[in-house]
PDB file of N, CA and C in Angstrom:
ATOM      1  N   UNK A   1      10.193  26.153  -1.373  1.00  0.00           N
ATOM      2  CA  UNK A   1      10.348  25.060  -2.165  1.00  0.00           C
ATOM      3  C   UNK A   1       9.005  25.017  -3.197  1.00  0.00           C
ATOM      4  N   UNK A   2       9.163  24.589  -4.627  1.00  0.00           N
ATOM      5  CA  UNK A   2       8.045  24.730  -5.421  1.00  0.00           C
ATOM      6  C   UNK A   2       7.169  23.528  -5.624  1.00  0.00           C
ATOM      7  N   UNK A   3       6.105  23.569  -6.002  1.00  0.00           N
ATOM      8  CA  UNK A   3       5.376  22.527  -6.195  1.00  0.00           C
ATOM      9  C   UNK A   3       5.912  21.128  -7.068  1.00  0.00           C
ATOM     10  N   UNK A   4       6.386  21.743  -8.106  1.00  0.00           N
ATOM     11  CA  UNK A   4       7.187  20.467  -9.011  1.00  0.00           C
ATOM     12  C   UNK A   4       8.544  19.805  -8.196  1.00  0.00           C
ATOM     13  N   UNK A   5       9.049  20.528  -7.398  1.00  0.00           N
ATOM     14  CA  UNK A   5      10.483  19.875  -6.863  1.00  0.00           C
ATOM     15  C   UNK A   5       9.331  18.986  -5.685  1.00  0.00           C
ATOM     16  N   UNK A   6       8.420  19.466  -4.992  1.00  0.00           N
ATOM     17  CA  UNK A   6       7.916  18.469  -3.902  1.00  0.00           C
ATOM     18  C   UNK A   6       7.201  17.439  -4.356  1.00  0.00           C
ATOM     19  N   UNK A   7       6.521  17.458  -5.853  1.00  0.00           N
ATOM     20  CA  UNK A   7       6.017  16.297  -6.374  1.00  0.00           C
ATOM     21  C   UNK A   7       7.034  15.389  -6.895  1.00  0.00           C
ATOM     22  N   UNK A   8       8.007  15.805  -7.488  1.00  0.00           N
ATOM     23  CA  UNK A   8       9.353  15.231  -7.793  1.00  0.00           C
ATOM     24  C   UNK A   8       9.880  14.531  -6.639  1.00  0.00           C
ATOM     25  N   UNK A   9       9.849  14.948  -5.629  1.00  0.00           N
ATOM     26  CA  UNK A   9      10.234  14.209  -4.373  1.00  0.00           C
ATOM     27  C   UNK A   9       9.396  13.202  -3.836  1.00  0.00           C
ATOM     28  N   UNK A  10       8.296  13.643  -3.624  1.00  0.00           N
ATOM     29  CA  UNK A  10       6.885  12.779  -3.154  1.00  0.00           C
ATOM     30  C   UNK A  10       6.887  11.434  -3.858  1.00  0.00           C
ATOM     31  N   UNK A  11       6.718  11.644  -5.407  1.00  0.00           N
ATOM     32  CA  UNK A  11       6.612  10.663  -6.197  1.00  0.00           C
ATOM     33  C   UNK A  11       7.370   9.198  -5.939  1.00  0.00           C
ATOM     34  N   UNK A  12       8.585   9.236  -5.956  1.00  0.00           N
ATOM     35  CA  UNK A  12       9.638   8.037  -5.982  1.00  0.00           C
ATOM     36  C   UNK A  12       9.334   7.609  -4.647  1.00  0.00           C
ATOM     37  N   UNK A  13       9.021   8.326  -3.542  1.00  0.00           N
ATOM     38  CA  UNK A  13       9.275   7.841  -2.366  1.00  0.00           C
ATOM     39  C   UNK A  13       7.970   7.281  -2.225  1.00  0.00           C
ATOM     40  N   UNK A  14       6.642   7.577  -2.529  1.00  0.00           N
ATOM     41  CA  UNK A  14       5.394   6.762  -2.533  1.00  0.00           C
ATOM     42  C   UNK A  14       5.498   5.496  -3.327  1.00  0.00           C
ATOM     43  N   UNK A  15       6.187   5.420  -4.575  1.00  0.00           N
ATOM     44  CA  UNK A  15       6.392   4.440  -5.463  1.00  0.00           C
ATOM     45  C   UNK A  15       7.364   3.548  -4.402  1.00  0.00           C
ATOM     46  N   UNK A  16       7.952   4.015  -3.768  1.00  0.00           N
ATOM     47  CA  UNK A  16       9.250   3.026  -2.956  1.00  0.00           C
ATOM     48  C   UNK A  16       8.293   2.222  -2.056  1.00  0.00           C
ATOM     49  N   UNK A  17       7.087   2.590  -1.465  1.00  0.00           N
ATOM     50  CA  UNK A  17       6.488   2.148  -0.249  1.00  0.00           C
ATOM     51  C   UNK A  17       5.251   1.648  -0.783  1.00  0.00           C
ATOM     52  N   UNK A  18       4.837   1.693  -1.903  1.00  0.00           N
ATOM     53  CA  UNK A  18       3.705   1.281  -2.166  1.00  0.00           C
ATOM     54  C   UNK A  18       3.172  -0.237  -2.072  1.00  0.00           C
ATOM     55  N   UNK A  19       4.453  -1.106  -2.251  1.00  0.00           N
ATOM     56  CA  UNK A  19       4.296  -2.329  -1.753  1.00  0.00           C
ATOM     57  C   UNK A  19       4.529  -3.299  -0.694  1.00  0.00           C
ATOM     58  N   UNK A  20       4.951  -2.225   0.387  1.00  0.00           N
ATOM     59  CA  UNK A  20       5.062  -2.787   1.638  1.00  0.00           C
ATOM     60  C   UNK A  20       3.921  -3.644   2.262  1.00  0.00           C
ATOM     61  N   UNK A  21       2.683  -3.094   2.001  1.00  0.00           N
ATOM     62  CA  UNK A  21       1.465  -3.710   2.461  1.00  0.00           C
ATOM     63  C   UNK A  21       1.544  -5.285   1.974  1.00  0.00           C
ATOM     64  N   UNK A  22       1.438  -5.270   0.600  1.00  0.00           N
ATOM     65  CA  UNK A  22       1.457  -6.514  -0.216  1.00  0.00           C
ATOM     66  C   UNK A  22       2.664  -7.446   0.441  1.00  0.00           C
ATOM     67  N   UNK A  23       3.736  -6.875   0.658  1.00  0.00           N
ATOM     68  CA  UNK A  23       4.874  -7.608   1.125  1.00  0.00           C
ATOM     69  C   UNK A  23       4.867  -8.454   2.422  1.00  0.00           C
ATOM     70  N   UNK A  24       4.079  -7.084   3.336  1.00  0.00           N
ATOM     71  CA  UNK A  24       3.777  -7.833   4.647  1.00  0.00           C
ATOM     72  C   UNK A  24       2.843  -9.024   4.537  1.00  0.00           C
ATOM     73  N   UNK A  25       1.476  -8.619   3.581  1.00  0.00           N
ATOM     74  CA  UNK A  25       0.706  -9.644   3.930  1.00  0.00           C
ATOM     75  C   UNK A  25       1.042 -11.096   3.123  1.00  0.00           C
ATOM     76  N   UNK A  26       1.864 -11.175   2.125  1.00  0.00           N
ATOM     77  CA  UNK A  26       2.294 -12.188   1.530  1.00  0.00           C
ATOM     78  C   UNK A  26       3.134 -12.992   2.532  1.00  0.00           C
ATOM     79  N   UNK A  27       3.899 -12.267   3.266  1.00  0.00           N
ATOM     80  CA  UNK A  27       4.988 -12.867   4.351  1.00  0.00           C
ATOM     81  C   UNK A  27       4.153 -13.765   5.292  1.00  0.00           C
ATOM     82  N   UNK A  28       3.154 -12.984   5.984  1.00  0.00           N
ATOM     83  CA  UNK A  28       2.403 -13.385   7.200  1.00  0.00           C
ATOM     84  C   UNK A  28       1.575 -14.612   6.731  1.00  0.00           C
ATOM     85  N   UNK A  29       0.684 -14.511   5.236  1.00  0.00           N
ATOM     86  CA  UNK A  29      -0.095 -15.465   5.123  1.00  0.00           C
ATOM     87  C   UNK A  29       0.866 -16.592   4.369  1.00  0.00           C
ATOM     88  N   UNK A  30       1.912 -16.520   4.022  1.00  0.00           N
ATOM     89  CA  UNK A  30       2.487 -17.428   3.136  1.00  0.00           C
ATOM     90  C   UNK A  30       1.683 -17.800   1.596  1.00  0.00           C
ATOM     91  N   UNK A  31       0.898 -16.829   1.376  1.00  0.00           N
ATOM     92  CA  UNK A  31       0.207 -17.346   0.105  1.00  0.00           C
ATOM     93  C   UNK A  31       0.202 -15.984  -1.100  1.00  0.00           C
ATOM     94  N   UNK A  32       0.615 -16.626  -2.257  1.00  0.00           N
ATOM     95  CA  UNK A  32       0.706 -15.620  -3.315  1.00  0.00           C
ATOM     96  C   UNK A  32      -0.705 -16.077  -4.362  1.00  0.00           C
ATOM     97  N   UNK A  33      -1.342 -16.418  -4.003  1.00  0.00           N
ATOM     98  CA  UNK A  33      -2.591 -16.930  -5.019  1.00  0.00           C
ATOM     99  C   UNK A  33      -3.224 -16.055  -5.799  1.00  0.00           C
ATOM    100  N   UNK A  34      -3.126 -14.404  -4.945  1.00  0.00           N
ATOM    101  CA  UNK A  34      -3.764 -13.278  -5.515  1.00  0.00           C
ATOM    102  C   UNK A  34      -2.787 -12.485  -6.485  1.00  0.00           C
ATOM    103  N   UNK A  35      -1.137 -12.902  -6.247  1.00  0.00           N
ATOM    104  CA  UNK A  35      -0.579 -12.368  -7.267  1.00  0.00           C
ATOM    105  C   UNK A  35      -0.215 -12.672  -8.428  1.00  0.00           C
ATOM    106  N   UNK A  36       0.391 -11.478  -9.173  1.00  0.00           N
ATOM    107  CA  UNK A  36       0.346 -12.045 -10.657  1.00  0.00           C
ATOM    108  C   UNK A  36       2.003 -12.005 -10.954  1.00  0.00           C
ATOM    109  N   UNK A  37       2.470 -12.961 -11.314  1.00  0.00           N
ATOM    110  CA  UNK A  37       4.146 -13.151 -11.900  1.00  0.00           C
ATOM    111  C   UNK A  37       4.248 -11.935 -12.721  1.00  0.00           C
ATOM    112  N   UNK A  38       3.294 -12.005 -13.703  1.00  0.00           N
ATOM    113  CA  UNK A  38       3.583 -11.106 -14.968  1.00  0.00           C
ATOM    114  C   UNK A  38       3.731  -9.473 -14.338  1.00  0.00           C
ATOM    115  N   UNK A  39       2.775  -9.038 -13.403  1.00  0.00           N
ATOM    116  CA  UNK A  39       2.750  -7.602 -12.820  1.00  0.00           C
ATOM    117  C   UNK A  39       4.317  -7.626 -12.112  1.00  0.00           C
ATOM    118  N   UNK A  40       4.638  -8.782 -11.474  1.00  0.00           N
ATOM    119  CA  UNK A  40       5.898  -8.225 -10.650  1.00  0.00           C
ATOM    120  C   UNK A  40       7.042  -8.277 -11.740  1.00  0.00           C
ATOM    121  N   UNK A  41       7.171  -8.863 -12.665  1.00  0.00           N
ATOM    122  CA  UNK A  41       8.070  -8.898 -13.754  1.00  0.00           C
ATOM    123  C   UNK A  41       7.903  -7.728 -14.132  1.00  0.00           C
ATOM    124  N   UNK A  42       6.798  -7.119 -14.583  1.00  0.00           N
ATOM    125  CA  UNK A  42       6.675  -5.448 -14.936  1.00  0.00           C
ATOM    126  C   UNK A  42       7.232  -4.478 -14.010  1.00  0.00           C
ATOM    127  N   UNK A  43       6.900  -4.878 -12.722  1.00  0.00           N
ATOM    128  CA  UNK A  43       7.349  -3.817 -11.733  1.00  0.00           C
ATOM    129  C   UNK A  43       8.919  -3.721 -11.798  1.00  0.00           C
ATOM    130  N   UNK A  44       9.573  -4.920 -11.501  1.00  0.00           N
ATOM    131  CA  UNK A  44      10.859  -4.991 -11.445  1.00  0.00           C
ATOM    132  C   UNK A  44      11.467  -4.216 -12.663  1.00  0.00           C
ATOM    133  N   UNK A  45      10.986  -4.605 -13.945  1.00  0.00           N
ATOM    134  CA  UNK A  45      11.474  -4.069 -15.123  1.00  0.00           C
ATOM    135  C   UNK A  45      11.302  -2.426 -14.949  1.00  0.00           C
ATOM    136  N   UNK A  46      10.258  -2.025 -14.578  1.00  0.00           N
ATOM    137  CA  UNK A  46       9.968  -0.495 -14.215  1.00  0.00           C
ATOM    138  C   UNK A  46      10.867   0.278 -13.589  1.00  0.00           C
ATOM    139  N   UNK A  47      10.872  -0.476 -12.173  1.00  0.00           N
ATOM    140  CA  UNK A  47      11.833  -0.341 -11.200  1.00  0.00           C
ATOM    141  C   UNK A  47      13.458   0.037 -11.831  1.00  0.00           C
ATOM    142  N   UNK A  48      13.927  -0.937 -12.787  1.00  0.00           N
ATOM    143  CA  UNK A  48      15.355  -0.973 -13.244  1.00  0.00           C
ATOM    144  C   UNK A  48      15.252   0.297 -14.168  1.00  0.00           C
ATOM    145  N   UNK A  49      14.322   0.482 -14.861  1.00  0.00           N
ATOM    146  CA  UNK A  49      14.502   1.490 -16.052  1.00  0.00           C
ATOM    147  C   UNK A  49      14.726   2.953 -15.248  1.00  0.00           C
ATOM    148  N   UNK A  50      13.766   2.760 -13.981  1.00  0.00           N
ATOM    149  CA  UNK A  50      13.813   4.291 -13.304  1.00  0.00           C
ATOM    150  C   UNK A  50      15.174   4.175 -12.591  1.00  0.00           C
ATOM    151  N   UNK A  51      15.845   3.413 -12.233  1.00  0.00           N
ATOM    152  CA  UNK A  51      16.956   3.379 -11.679  1.00  0.00           C
ATOM    153  C   UNK A  51      18.036   3.942 -12.487  1.00  0.00           C
ATOM    154  N   UNK A  52      18.152   3.321 -13.700  1.00  0.00           N
ATOM    155  CA  UNK A  52      19.036   3.635 -14.779  1.00  0.00           C
ATOM    156  C   UNK A  52      18.668   5.157 -15.352  1.00  0.00           C
ATOM    157  N   UNK A  53      17.626   5.637 -15.163  1.00  0.00           N
ATOM    158  CA  UNK A  53      17.182   6.923 -15.527  1.00  0.00           C
ATOM    159  C   UNK A  53      17.634   7.937 -14.393  1.00  0.00           C
ATOM    160  N   UNK A  54      17.767   7.507 -13.053  1.00  0.00           N
ATOM    161  CA  UNK A  54      18.367   8.112 -12.036  1.00  0.00           C
ATOM    162  C   UNK A  54      19.701   8.446 -12.239  1.00  0.00           C
ATOM    163  N   UNK A  55      20.296   7.212 -12.264  1.00  0.00           N
ATOM    164  CA  UNK A  55      21.720   7.198 -12.732  1.00  0.00           C
ATOM    165  C   UNK A  55      22.154   8.305 -13.666  1.00  0.00           C
ATOM    166  N   UNK A  56      21.624   7.985 -14.804  1.00  0.00           N
ATOM    167  CA  UNK A  56      22.039   8.714 -16.112  1.00  0.00           C
ATOM    168  C   UNK A  56      21.750  10.491 -15.845  1.00  0.00           C
ATOM    169  N   UNK A  57      20.821  11.096 -15.018  1.00  0.00           N
ATOM    170  CA  UNK A  57      20.781  12.258 -14.772  1.00  0.00           C
ATOM    171  C   UNK A  57      21.235  12.614 -13.076  1.00  0.00           C
ATOM    172  N   UNK A  58      21.937  11.875 -12.727  1.00  0.00           N
ATOM    173  CA  UNK A  58      22.678  11.954 -11.358  1.00  0.00           C
ATOM    174  C   UNK A  58      21.668  12.415 -10.283  1.00  0.00           C
ATOM    175  N   UNK A  59      20.318  11.575  -9.980  1.00  0.00           N
ATOM    176  CA  UNK A  59      19.416  12.228  -9.116  1.00  0.00           C
ATOM    177  C   UNK A  59      19.501  11.255  -7.824  1.00  0.00           C
ATOM    178  N   UNK A  60      19.922  11.735  -6.828  1.00  0.00           N
ATOM    179  CA  UNK A  60      20.483  10.817  -5.536  1.00  0.00           C
ATOM    180  C   UNK A  60      19.044  10.456  -5.057  1.00  0.00           C
ATOM    181  N   UNK A  61      18.013  11.359  -5.185  1.00  0.00           N
ATOM    182  CA  UNK A  61      16.679  10.775  -4.383  1.00  0.00           C
ATOM    183  C   UNK A  61      15.867   9.608  -5.362  1.00  0.00           C
ATOM    184  N   UNK A  62      16.102   9.991  -6.512  1.00  0.00           N
ATOM    185  CA  UNK A  62      15.505   8.888  -7.412  1.00  0.00           C
ATOM    186  C   UNK A  62      16.164   7.727  -7.396  1.00  0.00           C
ATOM    187  N   UNK A  63      17.554   7.815  -7.305  1.00  0.00           N
ATOM    188  CA  UNK A  63      18.220   6.366  -7.287  1.00  0.00           C
ATOM    189  C   UNK A  63      18.026   5.685  -5.955  1.00  0.00           C
ATOM    190  N   UNK A  64      17.861   6.303  -4.760  1.00  0.00           N
ATOM    191  CA  UNK A  64      17.375   5.887  -3.511  1.00  0.00           C
ATOM    192  C   UNK A  64      16.174   5.301  -3.391  1.00  0.00           C
ATOM    193  N   UNK A  65      15.090   6.104  -3.975  1.00  0.00           N
ATOM    194  CA  UNK A  65      13.905   5.473  -3.800  1.00  0.00           C
ATOM    195  C   UNK A  65      13.680   4.153  -4.672  1.00  0.00           C
ATOM    196  N   UNK A  66      14.567   4.030  -5.748  1.00  0.00           N
ATOM    197  CA  UNK A  66      14.344   3.108  -6.815  1.00  0.00           C
ATOM    198  C   UNK A  66      14.804   1.836  -6.269  1.00  0.00           C
ATOM    199  N   UNK A  67      15.979   1.982  -5.691  1.00  0.00           N
ATOM    200  CA  UNK A  67      16.857   1.044  -5.034  1.00  0.00           C
ATOM    201  C   UNK A  67      15.741   0.477  -3.779  1.00  0.00           C
ATOM    202  N   UNK A  68      15.117   1.130  -2.973  1.00  0.00           N
ATOM    203  CA  UNK A  68      14.129   0.651  -1.864  1.00  0.00           C
ATOM    204  C   UNK A  68      13.210  -0.163  -2.784  1.00  0.00           C
ATOM    205  N   UNK A  69      12.420   0.642  -3.829  1.00  0.00           N
ATOM    206  CA  UNK A  69      11.521  -0.352  -4.800  1.00  0.00           C
ATOM    207  C   UNK A  69      11.967  -1.492  -5.373  1.00  0.00           C
ATOM    208  N   UNK A  70      13.165  -1.598  -5.734  1.00  0.00           N
ATOM    209  CA  UNK A  70      13.824  -2.704  -6.339  1.00  0.00           C
ATOM    210  C   UNK A  70      13.977  -3.835  -5.223  1.00  0.00           C
ATOM    211  N   UNK A  71      14.351  -3.481  -4.093  1.00  0.00           N
ATOM    212  CA  UNK A  71      14.592  -4.546  -3.035  1.00  0.00           C
ATOM    213  C   UNK A  71      13.217  -4.986  -2.576  1.00  0.00           C
ATOM    214  N   UNK A  72      12.084  -4.194  -2.258  1.00  0.00           N
ATOM    215  CA  UNK A  72      10.787  -4.762  -1.972  1.00  0.00           C
ATOM    216  C   UNK A  72      10.057  -5.523  -3.071  1.00  0.00           C
ATOM    217  N   UNK A  73      10.170  -5.104  -4.610  1.00  0.00           N
ATOM    218  CA  UNK A  73       9.924  -5.983  -5.276  1.00  0.00           C
ATOM    219  C   UNK A  73      10.565  -7.053  -5.647  1.00  0.00           C
ATOM    220  N   UNK A  74      11.766  -6.877  -5.429  1.00  0.00           N
ATOM    221  CA  UNK A  74      12.804  -8.562  -5.503  1.00  0.00           C
ATOM    222  C   UNK A  74      12.304  -9.514  -4.348  1.00  0.00           C
ATOM    223  N   UNK A  75      12.248  -8.914  -3.365  1.00  0.00           N
ATOM    224  CA  UNK A  75      11.671  -9.916  -2.184  1.00  0.00           C
ATOM    225  C   UNK A  75      10.522 -10.394  -2.601  1.00  0.00           C
ATOM    226  N   UNK A  76       9.454  -9.609  -2.965  1.00  0.00           N
ATOM    227  CA  UNK A  76       7.925  -9.912  -3.266  1.00  0.00           C
ATOM    228  C   UNK A  76       8.072 -11.040  -4.244  1.00  0.00           C
ATOM    229  N   UNK A  77       9.132 -10.865  -5.223  1.00  0.00           N
ATOM    230  CA  UNK A  77       9.292 -11.846  -6.319  1.00  0.00           C
ATOM    231  C   UNK A  77       9.807 -13.296  -5.846  1.00  0.00           C
ATOM    232  N   UNK A  78      10.652 -13.237  -5.030  1.00  0.00           N
ATOM    233  CA  UNK A  78      11.439 -14.036  -4.328  1.00  0.00           C
ATOM    234  C   UNK A  78      10.291 -14.891  -3.535  1.00  0.00           C
ATOM    235  N   UNK A  79       9.550 -14.312  -2.822  1.00  0.00           N
ATOM    236  CA  UNK A  79       8.448 -14.981  -1.977  1.00  0.00           C
ATOM    237  C   UNK A  79       7.443 -15.654  -2.812  1.00  0.00           C
ATOM    238  N   UNK A  80       7.225 -15.003  -3.836  1.00  0.00           N
ATOM    239  CA  UNK A  80       6.412 -15.575  -4.856  1.00  0.00           C
ATOM    240  C   UNK A  80       6.908 -17.030  -5.389  1.00  0.00           C
ATOM    241  N   UNK A  81       7.887 -16.844  -6.015  1.00  0.00           N
ATOM    242  CA  UNK A  81       8.643 -17.992  -6.323  1.00  0.00           C
ATOM    243  C   UNK A  81       8.642 -19.027  -5.004  1.00  0.00           C
ATOM    244  N   UNK A  82       8.933 -18.526  -3.889  1.00  0.00           N
ATOM    245  CA  UNK A  82       8.954 -19.586  -2.787  1.00  0.00           C
ATOM    246  C   UNK A  82       7.929 -20.166  -2.453  1.00  0.00           C
ATOM    247  N   UNK A  83       6.642 -19.553  -2.475  1.00  0.00           N
ATOM    248  CA  UNK A  83       5.327 -19.968  -2.176  1.00  0.00           C
ATOM    249  C   UNK A  83       4.721 -20.492  -2.814  1.00  0.00           C
ATOM    250  N   UNK A  84       4.661 -20.360  -4.298  1.00  0.00           N
ATOM    251  CA  UNK A  84       3.826 -20.642  -5.475  1.00  0.00           C
ATOM    252  C   UNK A  84       4.192 -22.071  -5.686  1.00  0.00           C
ATOM    253  N   UNK A  85       2.954 -22.673  -5.891  1.00  0.00           N
ATOM    254  CA  UNK A  85       3.100 -24.020  -6.314  1.00  0.00           C
ATOM    255  C   UNK A  85       3.214 -24.204  -7.830  1.00  0.00           C
ATOM    256  N   UNK A  86       4.539 -24.266  -8.200  1.00  0.00           N
ATOM    257  CA  UNK A  86       4.694 -24.135  -9.532  1.00  0.00           C
ATOM    258  C   UNK A  86       5.137 -25.627 -10.076  1.00  0.00           C
ATOM    259  N   UNK A  87       4.718 -26.093 -11.105  1.00  0.00           N
ATOM    260  CA  UNK A  87       4.697 -27.392 -11.238  1.00  0.00           C
ATOM    261  C   UNK A  87       5.571 -27.293 -12.334  1.00  0.00           C
ATOM    262  N   UNK A  88       6.634 -28.110 -12.660  1.00  0.00           N
ATOM    263  CA  UNK A  88       7.382 -28.078 -13.774  1.00  0.00           C
ATOM    264  C   UNK A  88       7.314 -29.300 -14.546  1.00  0.00           C
ATOM    265  N   UNK A  89       6.889 -29.422 -15.502  1.00  0.00           N
ATOM    266  CA  UNK A  89       6.700 -30.736 -16.332  1.00  0.00           C
ATOM    267  C   UNK A  89       7.872 -31.029 -17.221  1.00  0.00           C
TER     268      UNK A  89
END
């Protein structure tokens, strides 16, 4: 297996699991004080773009890893909306 293939396989896997610690901490503490809603939206947008790219080039590992990343980011986004003290005027 060549180095580019190893990197191309590891990159989406690491990308998929990078937010697990933040998701766990947010769920346990029920605090989103240090999270940025703008960052969450950007991450979700990026994951969607990577998903479509994986779909267009028919890359199963990229599709699978972006689906995992989308689930993690969407869950974190939902937790943000659930735990944030948002006041609508």
